Protein backbone atom coordinates (compact mmCIF):
# COMPACT_ATOMS: atom_id res chain seq x y z
CA MET A 1 139.73 104.08 68.02
CA ASN A 2 138.12 102.01 70.78
CA THR A 3 134.39 102.39 71.30
CA ALA A 4 132.23 101.79 74.36
CA VAL A 5 128.83 102.14 75.93
CA ILE A 6 128.18 103.29 79.50
CA TYR A 7 125.97 101.33 81.86
CA ALA A 8 124.69 103.23 84.94
CA ARG A 9 122.33 102.13 87.68
CA TYR A 10 121.06 103.25 91.04
CA SER A 11 118.97 101.32 93.56
CA SER A 12 115.98 102.73 95.41
CA ASP A 13 117.74 103.28 98.74
CA SER A 14 118.78 106.91 99.32
CA GLN A 15 119.94 107.42 95.71
CA SER A 16 118.42 109.48 92.95
CA GLU A 17 118.92 110.96 89.49
CA GLN A 18 121.99 112.82 90.78
CA SER A 19 123.66 109.43 91.25
CA ILE A 20 123.22 108.69 87.54
CA GLU A 21 124.66 112.08 86.57
CA GLY A 22 127.72 111.47 88.75
CA GLN A 23 128.31 108.00 87.28
CA LEU A 24 128.03 109.31 83.71
CA ARG A 25 130.40 112.20 84.39
CA VAL A 26 133.11 109.93 85.87
CA CYS A 27 132.73 107.38 83.03
CA GLU A 28 132.94 110.10 80.38
CA ASP A 29 136.10 111.51 81.99
CA TYR A 30 137.60 108.01 82.05
CA ALA A 31 136.74 107.48 78.36
CA LYS A 32 138.27 110.81 77.39
CA ALA A 33 141.47 110.05 79.31
CA HIS A 34 141.81 106.63 77.63
CA ASP A 35 140.82 107.75 74.10
CA ILE A 36 137.54 105.78 74.09
CA LEU A 37 134.55 106.97 72.07
CA ILE A 38 131.19 106.64 73.87
CA LEU A 39 128.45 105.48 71.47
CA ASP A 40 125.48 104.99 73.78
CA THR A 41 124.31 104.85 77.39
CA TYR A 42 122.12 102.25 79.16
CA ILE A 43 120.47 103.38 82.42
CA ASP A 44 118.35 101.52 84.97
CA ARG A 45 116.73 103.68 87.62
CA ALA A 46 115.65 102.39 91.06
CA MET A 47 116.76 98.85 90.17
CA THR A 48 118.55 96.48 92.53
CA GLY A 49 121.83 94.89 91.45
CA THR A 50 121.16 91.59 93.22
CA ASN A 51 119.51 90.20 90.08
CA ASP A 52 119.54 90.90 86.34
CA ASN A 53 115.84 91.72 85.97
CA ARG A 54 116.72 95.16 84.61
CA PRO A 55 115.37 96.34 81.22
CA ASP A 56 118.35 98.38 80.01
CA PHE A 57 120.85 95.85 81.36
CA GLN A 58 119.20 93.07 79.36
CA ARG A 59 119.04 95.32 76.30
CA MET A 60 122.76 96.08 76.64
CA ILE A 61 123.69 92.36 76.85
CA LYS A 62 121.56 91.67 73.79
CA ASP A 63 123.01 94.61 71.82
CA SER A 64 126.55 93.41 72.49
CA SER A 65 125.99 90.65 69.90
CA ARG A 66 125.93 93.28 67.16
CA HIS A 67 129.71 93.85 67.64
CA GLU A 68 129.38 97.64 67.35
CA TRP A 69 131.49 98.50 70.43
CA ASN A 70 134.45 97.10 72.35
CA TYR A 71 133.75 97.96 75.99
CA VAL A 72 131.04 98.29 78.59
CA LEU A 73 132.10 101.08 80.95
CA VAL A 74 130.69 101.26 84.50
CA TYR A 75 131.36 103.57 87.44
CA ARG A 76 132.17 100.56 89.67
CA LEU A 77 131.74 96.84 89.17
CA ASP A 78 128.85 96.77 91.67
CA ARG A 79 126.85 98.93 89.22
CA PHE A 80 127.06 96.02 86.74
CA SER A 81 125.88 93.43 89.28
CA ARG A 82 125.98 92.48 92.97
CA ASN A 83 125.57 88.80 92.24
CA LYS A 84 128.89 87.11 91.44
CA TYR A 85 127.29 84.17 89.66
CA GLU A 86 125.24 86.37 87.32
CA THR A 87 128.30 88.60 86.87
CA ALA A 88 130.34 85.63 85.65
CA ILE A 89 127.59 84.54 83.24
CA HIS A 90 127.08 87.97 81.70
CA LYS A 91 130.81 88.75 81.51
CA LYS A 92 131.26 85.51 79.56
CA THR A 93 128.46 86.56 77.18
CA LEU A 94 130.20 89.89 76.65
CA ARG A 95 133.54 88.16 76.13
CA ASP A 96 132.04 85.82 73.55
CA ASN A 97 130.77 88.91 71.74
CA GLY A 98 134.22 90.53 71.84
CA VAL A 99 133.28 93.04 74.57
CA LYS A 100 135.20 93.74 77.77
CA LEU A 101 133.88 95.18 81.05
CA LEU A 102 135.74 98.25 82.37
CA SER A 103 135.46 100.00 85.77
CA ALA A 104 136.14 103.76 85.83
CA MET A 105 136.90 103.90 89.58
CA GLU A 106 138.66 100.56 90.11
CA ASN A 107 142.08 100.29 88.51
CA ILE A 108 142.12 96.66 87.38
CA PRO A 109 145.32 95.89 85.38
CA ASP A 110 145.27 93.73 82.28
CA THR A 111 147.29 90.95 83.95
CA PRO A 112 146.55 87.45 85.35
CA GLU A 113 146.46 89.00 88.84
CA ALA A 114 143.47 91.02 87.69
CA ILE A 115 141.34 87.89 87.78
CA ILE A 116 141.89 87.57 91.54
CA LEU A 117 141.35 91.30 92.14
CA GLU A 118 138.18 91.39 90.07
CA SER A 119 136.78 88.32 91.87
CA MET A 120 137.47 89.97 95.24
CA LEU A 121 135.68 93.16 94.19
CA GLU A 122 132.68 91.19 92.90
CA GLY A 123 132.56 89.07 96.07
CA TYR A 124 132.73 92.20 98.24
CA ALA A 125 129.87 93.79 96.27
CA GLU A 126 127.70 90.71 96.86
CA TYR A 127 128.69 90.61 100.55
CA TYR A 128 127.84 94.30 100.97
CA SER A 129 124.44 93.78 99.34
CA ALA A 130 123.62 90.75 101.51
CA GLU A 131 124.77 92.49 104.69
CA LEU A 132 122.79 95.62 103.86
CA SER A 133 119.68 93.54 103.15
CA GLN A 134 120.09 91.74 106.49
CA LYS A 135 120.43 95.03 108.36
CA VAL A 136 117.36 96.44 106.65
CA ARG A 137 115.28 93.35 107.49
CA ARG A 138 116.47 93.44 111.10
CA GLY A 139 115.59 97.11 111.34
CA MET A 140 112.15 96.52 109.85
CA VAL A 141 111.43 93.75 112.37
CA GLU A 142 112.40 96.03 115.26
CA THR A 143 110.21 98.76 113.81
CA ARG A 144 107.24 96.38 113.68
CA ARG A 145 107.87 95.15 117.20
CA LYS A 146 107.63 98.75 118.38
CA GLY A 147 104.30 99.04 116.55
CA ASN A 148 105.56 101.63 114.06
CA PHE A 149 104.60 101.87 110.39
CA THR A 150 107.30 100.49 108.08
CA GLY A 151 106.18 102.34 104.98
CA GLY A 152 104.53 101.22 101.76
CA HIS A 153 100.83 101.02 100.92
CA LEU A 154 98.51 101.74 103.85
CA LEU A 155 95.23 99.82 104.10
CA TYR A 156 91.93 101.56 103.48
CA GLY A 157 90.52 102.55 106.86
CA TYR A 158 93.84 103.55 108.42
CA LYS A 159 96.13 106.57 108.49
CA THR A 160 99.46 107.37 110.14
CA VAL A 161 100.15 109.81 112.94
CA ASP A 162 103.77 110.14 114.16
CA ARG A 163 104.73 106.84 112.47
CA LYS A 164 101.88 105.05 114.28
CA ILE A 165 98.95 103.47 112.42
CA VAL A 166 95.63 104.82 113.68
CA ILE A 167 92.03 104.33 112.55
CA ASP A 168 90.61 106.72 109.97
CA GLU A 169 87.09 106.73 111.41
CA GLU A 170 85.27 107.85 108.25
CA ALA A 171 86.84 105.11 106.12
CA ALA A 172 86.61 102.58 108.97
CA GLU A 173 82.81 102.98 109.01
CA ALA A 174 82.78 101.84 105.38
CA VAL A 175 84.93 98.81 106.30
CA ARG A 176 82.55 97.85 109.12
CA PHE A 177 79.61 98.29 106.77
CA ILE A 178 81.23 95.97 104.17
CA TYR A 179 81.87 93.25 106.76
CA ALA A 180 78.42 93.50 108.35
CA GLN A 181 76.62 93.37 105.01
CA PHE A 182 78.66 90.44 103.69
CA ALA A 183 78.14 88.53 106.96
CA MET A 184 74.39 88.87 106.42
CA GLY A 185 74.63 87.40 102.90
CA VAL A 186 74.59 90.58 100.80
CA TYR A 187 76.46 90.11 97.52
CA VAL A 188 79.57 92.20 96.88
CA LYS A 189 78.04 93.96 93.87
CA ASP A 190 75.11 95.06 96.06
CA ILE A 191 77.50 96.25 98.79
CA ILE A 192 79.35 98.35 96.21
CA ALA A 193 76.06 99.79 94.95
CA ALA A 194 75.07 100.72 98.52
CA LEU A 195 78.43 102.41 99.16
CA THR A 196 78.18 104.34 95.90
CA GLU A 197 74.64 105.41 96.75
CA LYS A 198 75.91 106.71 100.09
CA GLY A 199 78.62 108.67 98.28
CA ILE A 200 81.45 106.57 99.74
CA TYR A 201 84.28 106.09 97.23
CA ASN A 202 87.79 104.67 97.12
CA ASN A 203 90.28 107.22 95.76
CA GLY A 204 87.45 109.13 94.16
CA LYS A 205 86.00 106.11 92.35
CA PRO A 206 83.41 103.44 93.23
CA PHE A 207 84.89 100.41 94.99
CA ALA A 208 86.09 97.64 92.68
CA ARG A 209 85.02 94.05 93.39
CA ASN A 210 88.63 92.96 93.98
CA THR A 211 89.12 95.82 96.43
CA VAL A 212 86.11 94.72 98.49
CA TYR A 213 87.23 91.07 98.47
CA ASN A 214 90.74 92.10 99.55
CA ILE A 215 89.20 94.07 102.43
CA LEU A 216 87.14 91.03 103.43
CA LYS A 217 90.22 88.77 103.48
CA ASN A 218 92.76 91.05 105.14
CA GLU A 219 93.37 89.96 108.74
CA LYS A 220 94.88 93.33 109.66
CA TYR A 221 91.33 94.60 110.14
CA SER A 222 91.03 92.14 113.04
CA GLY A 223 94.15 93.66 114.63
CA ILE A 224 96.51 90.83 113.60
CA TYR A 225 99.52 91.18 111.28
CA HIS A 226 101.73 88.25 110.24
CA HIS A 227 105.10 88.86 108.63
CA GLY A 228 108.25 86.77 108.37
CA GLY A 229 106.91 84.06 110.67
CA GLU A 230 106.08 86.55 113.45
CA THR A 231 102.72 87.81 114.69
CA PHE A 232 102.32 91.50 115.49
CA GLU A 233 99.27 92.65 117.45
CA ASN A 234 100.37 96.20 118.19
CA MET A 235 100.56 97.65 114.66
CA TYR A 236 97.01 97.73 113.28
CA PRO A 237 94.19 98.85 115.63
CA GLN A 238 91.21 96.50 115.35
CA ILE A 239 88.36 97.75 113.17
CA VAL A 240 86.34 94.53 112.77
CA PRO A 241 85.41 92.29 115.74
CA THR A 242 87.28 88.98 115.71
CA GLU A 243 84.08 86.92 115.58
CA THR A 244 82.80 88.82 112.55
CA PHE A 245 86.15 88.56 110.78
CA GLU A 246 86.37 84.79 111.30
CA ARG A 247 82.82 84.25 110.10
CA VAL A 248 83.38 86.38 107.00
CA ARG A 249 86.71 84.68 106.26
CA ALA A 250 84.99 81.29 106.38
CA MET A 251 82.28 82.53 104.02
CA VAL A 252 84.85 83.92 101.56
CA ALA A 253 86.83 80.66 101.66
CA LYS A 254 83.67 78.63 101.04
CA ASN A 255 82.69 80.81 98.08
CA LYS A 256 86.17 80.41 96.61
CA TYR A 257 85.67 76.72 95.96
CA GLY A 258 81.92 76.66 95.56
CA LYS A 259 80.00 77.06 92.34
CA ARG A 260 76.93 79.21 91.94
CA SER A 261 74.65 79.39 88.94
CA THR A 262 74.63 82.86 87.44
CA GLU A 263 70.99 82.37 86.43
CA VAL A 264 69.44 80.60 89.43
CA LYS A 265 70.03 81.27 93.12
CA TYR A 266 69.91 78.25 95.43
CA LEU A 267 68.89 79.99 98.66
CA LEU A 268 69.83 77.04 100.93
CA ARG A 269 73.29 76.55 99.42
CA HIS A 270 75.82 75.32 102.05
CA LYS A 271 73.05 74.99 104.68
CA LEU A 272 71.66 71.49 103.98
CA ILE A 273 72.87 68.18 105.48
CA CYS A 274 71.45 64.70 104.83
CA GLY A 275 69.87 63.31 108.00
CA TYR A 276 70.71 59.71 107.03
CA CYS A 277 74.37 59.72 105.87
CA GLY A 278 75.53 63.17 106.98
CA SER A 279 76.64 64.22 103.47
CA PRO A 280 76.02 67.75 102.18
CA ILE A 281 72.96 68.20 100.00
CA SER A 282 73.71 69.94 96.72
CA ALA A 283 71.86 71.29 93.72
CA GLU A 284 70.58 68.95 91.03
CA THR A 285 68.93 69.73 87.71
CA GLY A 286 66.74 67.45 85.60
CA THR A 287 64.56 67.70 82.53
CA GLY A 288 60.98 66.47 82.50
CA SER A 289 59.29 64.60 79.67
CA ASN A 290 57.84 67.88 78.43
CA GLY A 291 61.33 69.39 78.21
CA GLN A 292 60.87 71.62 81.25
CA VAL A 293 63.92 72.07 83.51
CA VAL A 294 63.25 70.94 87.10
CA ARG A 295 65.60 71.84 89.97
CA TYR A 296 66.11 69.73 93.09
CA TYR A 297 68.17 69.40 96.23
CA LYS A 298 69.88 65.98 96.27
CA CYS A 299 72.10 64.17 98.80
CA LEU A 300 75.71 64.33 97.64
CA GLY A 301 76.39 60.88 99.15
CA ARG A 302 73.66 59.28 97.05
CA LYS A 303 74.80 61.29 94.05
CA ARG A 304 78.27 59.77 94.40
CA GLY A 305 76.94 56.22 94.60
CA SER A 306 76.63 55.51 98.34
CA ASP A 307 73.87 53.39 99.88
CA CYS A 308 71.97 56.47 101.10
CA LYS A 309 68.30 56.34 100.08
CA LYS A 310 67.46 60.00 100.75
CA SER A 311 65.02 61.11 98.08
CA MET A 312 65.32 64.38 96.19
CA ILE A 313 63.11 67.35 97.00
CA ARG A 314 62.03 70.14 94.68
CA LYS A 315 64.01 73.35 95.09
CA GLU A 316 61.00 75.65 95.24
CA THR A 317 59.12 73.38 97.67
CA LEU A 318 61.93 73.24 100.21
CA GLU A 319 62.94 76.90 99.94
CA ASN A 320 59.37 78.17 100.27
CA PHE A 321 58.82 75.94 103.30
CA VAL A 322 61.94 77.23 105.08
CA ILE A 323 61.18 80.87 104.23
CA ASP A 324 57.60 80.46 105.45
CA CYS A 325 58.95 79.13 108.77
CA ILE A 326 61.20 82.15 109.23
CA VAL A 327 58.60 84.70 108.16
CA LYS A 328 55.98 83.09 110.39
CA GLU A 329 58.17 83.49 113.47
CA LEU A 330 59.26 87.01 112.55
CA SER A 331 55.62 87.98 112.05
CA LYS A 332 54.48 87.09 115.56
CA PRO A 333 52.91 90.11 117.29
CA ASP A 334 55.46 90.25 120.11
CA VAL A 335 58.36 90.01 117.63
CA ILE A 336 56.91 92.74 115.41
CA LYS A 337 56.46 94.96 118.46
CA ARG A 338 60.11 94.54 119.43
CA MET A 339 61.33 95.03 115.87
CA VAL A 340 59.30 98.22 115.37
CA ARG A 341 60.62 99.59 118.66
CA GLY A 342 64.18 98.71 117.60
CA LEU A 343 63.74 100.30 114.18
CA SER A 344 62.40 103.46 115.77
CA GLU A 345 65.45 103.63 118.01
CA ALA A 346 67.69 102.98 114.99
CA GLN A 347 65.98 105.85 113.16
CA GLU A 348 66.76 108.18 116.05
CA THR A 349 70.39 107.02 116.02
CA LEU A 350 70.56 107.63 112.25
CA VAL A 351 69.39 111.21 112.74
CA LYS A 352 72.29 111.80 115.13
CA ASP A 353 74.82 109.96 112.92
CA LYS A 354 76.45 112.36 110.45
CA SER A 355 79.16 109.98 109.12
CA CYS A 356 77.68 109.62 105.60
CA GLU A 357 77.05 113.35 105.30
CA ASN A 358 80.57 114.09 106.55
CA ALA A 359 82.07 111.68 103.99
CA LEU A 360 80.13 113.39 101.21
CA LEU A 361 81.23 116.83 102.39
CA LYS A 362 84.85 115.66 102.52
CA GLU A 363 84.60 114.34 98.95
CA LYS A 364 82.99 117.59 97.85
CA ARG A 365 85.82 119.67 99.35
CA HIS A 366 88.42 117.46 97.64
CA THR A 367 86.62 117.75 94.28
CA GLN A 368 86.36 121.52 94.64
CA ARG A 369 90.10 121.78 95.37
CA VAL A 370 90.92 119.81 92.21
CA ILE A 371 88.60 122.08 90.17
CA ASP A 372 90.30 125.15 91.63
CA ASN A 373 93.73 123.77 90.71
CA ILE A 374 92.64 123.11 87.12
CA MET A 375 91.15 126.61 86.89
CA SER A 376 94.46 128.09 88.10
CA ALA A 377 96.30 126.13 85.41
CA ILE A 378 93.85 127.37 82.75
CA GLU A 379 94.32 130.96 83.92
CA GLN A 380 98.05 130.51 83.42
CA GLY A 381 97.51 129.37 79.83
CA VAL A 382 97.60 125.60 80.30
CA VAL A 383 94.59 124.66 78.20
CA THR A 384 94.41 121.20 76.59
CA ASN A 385 91.68 118.78 75.59
CA THR A 386 92.57 116.69 78.66
CA THR A 387 92.17 119.57 81.13
CA THR A 388 88.88 120.63 79.55
CA LYS A 389 87.51 117.08 79.64
CA ARG A 390 88.65 116.58 83.24
CA LEU A 391 87.09 119.88 84.33
CA LYS A 392 83.70 118.85 82.88
CA GLU A 393 83.90 115.47 84.63
CA LEU A 394 84.66 117.12 87.98
CA GLU A 395 81.86 119.67 87.58
CA LEU A 396 79.37 116.85 86.93
CA LYS A 397 80.73 114.97 89.94
CA LEU A 398 80.38 118.09 92.11
CA GLU A 399 76.73 118.43 91.07
CA GLU A 400 76.11 114.76 91.91
CA LEU A 401 77.76 115.16 95.34
CA GLU A 402 75.64 118.21 96.12
CA ARG A 403 72.51 116.23 95.18
CA LYS A 404 73.52 113.37 97.48
CA ILE A 405 74.28 115.78 100.34
CA VAL A 406 70.79 117.25 100.01
CA THR A 407 69.32 113.72 99.94
CA GLU A 408 71.33 112.68 103.02
CA ARG A 409 70.21 115.76 104.93
CA SER A 410 66.60 115.14 103.97
CA LYS A 411 66.74 111.75 105.70
CA THR A 412 66.97 113.50 109.04
CA ARG A 413 64.00 115.72 108.24
CA ILE A 414 61.54 113.00 107.16
CA LEU A 415 60.90 110.64 110.06
CA LEU A 416 58.66 107.59 109.78
CA SER A 417 55.95 106.97 112.31
CA GLU A 418 55.66 103.63 114.12
CA ARG A 419 52.69 102.72 111.90
CA GLU A 420 54.70 103.38 108.73
CA ILE A 421 57.66 101.37 110.10
CA ARG A 422 55.34 98.46 110.91
CA GLU A 423 53.85 98.46 107.39
CA TYR A 424 57.30 98.59 105.77
CA TYR A 425 58.59 95.79 108.03
CA GLU A 426 55.70 93.48 107.19
CA GLN A 427 56.18 94.08 103.43
CA ALA A 428 60.00 93.76 103.57
CA LEU A 429 60.21 90.34 105.25
CA ARG A 430 60.03 88.46 101.97
CA LEU A 431 62.06 90.93 99.90
CA GLU A 432 65.44 89.56 101.04
CA PRO A 433 64.98 85.83 101.71
CA GLN A 434 68.68 85.12 101.09
CA MET A 435 69.66 87.56 103.83
CA LEU A 436 67.20 86.01 106.27
CA ILE A 437 68.53 82.51 105.57
CA ASN A 438 72.21 83.49 105.78
CA PHE A 439 71.79 85.40 109.00
CA LEU A 440 69.28 83.27 110.93
CA ILE A 441 69.86 79.67 109.82
CA LYS A 442 72.94 77.74 110.90
CA GLN A 443 72.10 74.34 109.41
CA ILE A 444 69.18 72.31 108.07
CA VAL A 445 69.17 68.53 108.54
CA LEU A 446 66.91 66.96 105.94
CA PHE A 447 65.00 63.65 106.24
CA ASP A 448 62.26 62.27 104.03
CA ASP A 449 59.54 62.86 106.63
CA LYS A 450 60.89 65.81 108.61
CA ILE A 451 63.52 68.54 108.70
CA GLU A 452 65.50 69.93 111.62
CA ILE A 453 66.28 73.63 111.39
CA TYR A 454 69.12 74.89 113.56
CA PHE A 455 68.76 78.63 114.06
CA ASN A 456 71.48 80.99 115.17
CA SER A 457 70.65 82.96 118.26
CA PRO A 458 69.40 85.63 118.95
CA LEU A 459 66.52 83.18 118.45
CA ARG A 460 65.69 80.81 121.31
CA VAL A 461 63.09 78.16 122.04
CA SER A 462 60.13 79.57 123.93
CA PRO A 463 59.81 78.08 127.41
CA ASP A 464 56.11 77.43 126.90
CA ASP A 465 56.28 76.04 123.35
CA SER A 466 58.91 73.46 122.38
CA GLN A 467 57.96 73.71 118.71
CA GLY A 468 58.33 77.48 118.45
CA PHE A 469 60.89 80.14 119.08
CA SER A 470 61.10 83.85 119.75
CA PHE A 471 63.67 86.59 119.97
CA ALA A 472 65.82 86.43 123.08
CA SER A 473 65.74 90.21 123.36
CA GLU A 474 65.78 93.20 121.09
CA THR A 475 69.27 94.09 122.32
CA GLU A 476 70.67 90.85 120.89
CA ILE A 477 69.40 91.06 117.34
CA MET A 478 68.75 94.72 116.68
CA PRO A 479 72.34 96.03 116.83
CA CYS A 480 73.41 93.54 114.19
CA MET A 481 70.44 93.88 111.85
CA ILE A 482 69.97 97.62 112.16
CA HIS A 483 73.18 99.30 113.28
CA ASN A 484 75.55 96.69 111.81
CA ARG A 485 78.05 97.36 114.58
CA LYS A 486 77.60 94.87 117.41
CA GLU A 487 77.49 91.12 116.96
CA PRO A 488 75.09 88.78 118.75
CA VAL A 489 76.26 85.68 120.56
CA LEU A 490 75.50 82.81 118.18
CA ARG A 491 73.95 79.65 119.63
CA PRO A 492 72.37 76.98 117.39
CA ILE A 493 68.74 76.23 118.18
CA ARG A 494 67.04 73.07 116.91
CA ILE A 495 63.48 73.25 115.65
CA GLU A 496 61.94 69.97 114.36
CA LEU A 497 59.25 70.27 111.74
CA ARG A 498 57.21 67.43 110.27
CA LEU A 499 56.75 67.31 106.51
């Protein structure tokens, strides 16, 4: 008696498990009518036939070498493959193993003419697949041109309404926060910690580092979407200002190729230029006669053997000097006055802003719904170690959310006076030197006897003092430093300081 195995497959387009059942039924009827005994079945679900990257298909080809059956039975030849070249290769493998391919729905006679008929059927299957793929791609392009969502994973910060992508305002605030913080030099791990502290999660969990980096690199947040060589500007509403996105993208690209010591932070990294040869100035480490490690900033041109004679400068000496310059200017009475006024206004805005509290309340409602669902399952007798463990986790999470909601609400009840804001501001200036440098300094040109510091506006040279600078206005710097929403117009300002 002849023996066979059945191979069944359906692709992901408008087919389902019912398709497999139909294929098996027809193949079994064919086997019964032709006195063939079915020994096994191989099934690939939601797998395309345009290639052979299918687990059960590969297993079937491999198993054919055991010579345990005579035929591979398929519903139609296109279930075996839609690629005529791969079909020929795998049919030869089966033939070498003494196995023949049979089609239950296509009556292919065992004659020389069958070769032509089978080739035509295989060619038609490949043509149908290619034509269908072309139609789908054409339809997707038209869908994008109309600004409609084409399906698949939707970016964090967006949602769909009537097939249109719109901004999810609660999540979008988190995206803006991520961009604003990174643009000011805050490390990703610290951004994640701040989001977690605010009770802002991604799918119920704290943001992963890769997730944050993917958000920082995705141009869709700037309102631009590239696909298939075309640019679409009507699909994704802009969440992040173009200027901010470009600046952040440049920072991410620079970090990709740069190296940073995990033990020591070089605060002026990527900011220093040699005043003599124009080369970047990089980190350098040496060891003194007493074995103590000494860290320097050294001209990269001289380091690589050029004729530049720029001498090295101690890391701490240069960094402290630059930080002192910034703090000195930010500590001027008129600047402090403007900053305190801006912080007071920001505090009033914070009182009115309920976005963090709303996000926490939303997360609490979601957590409570999941707890209710688990409780319903337990009441119906579904009690396992997994459900019990998950219920305890959710109850602890609910308690934590309630604590954070109380904390968030308390922020609007405890308001700082101008005196308290002034004291905090004066103490905080030196707490985040990296943020001050990243945000305020564009470039530092280093000579042996002087340095030129190029500041980003909103700083400007005072009209009555060519060696000093002051804030252009509180409306230029405060929105960026306090609200993290608006961006100042950046203009480099040169300040020359003698060493």
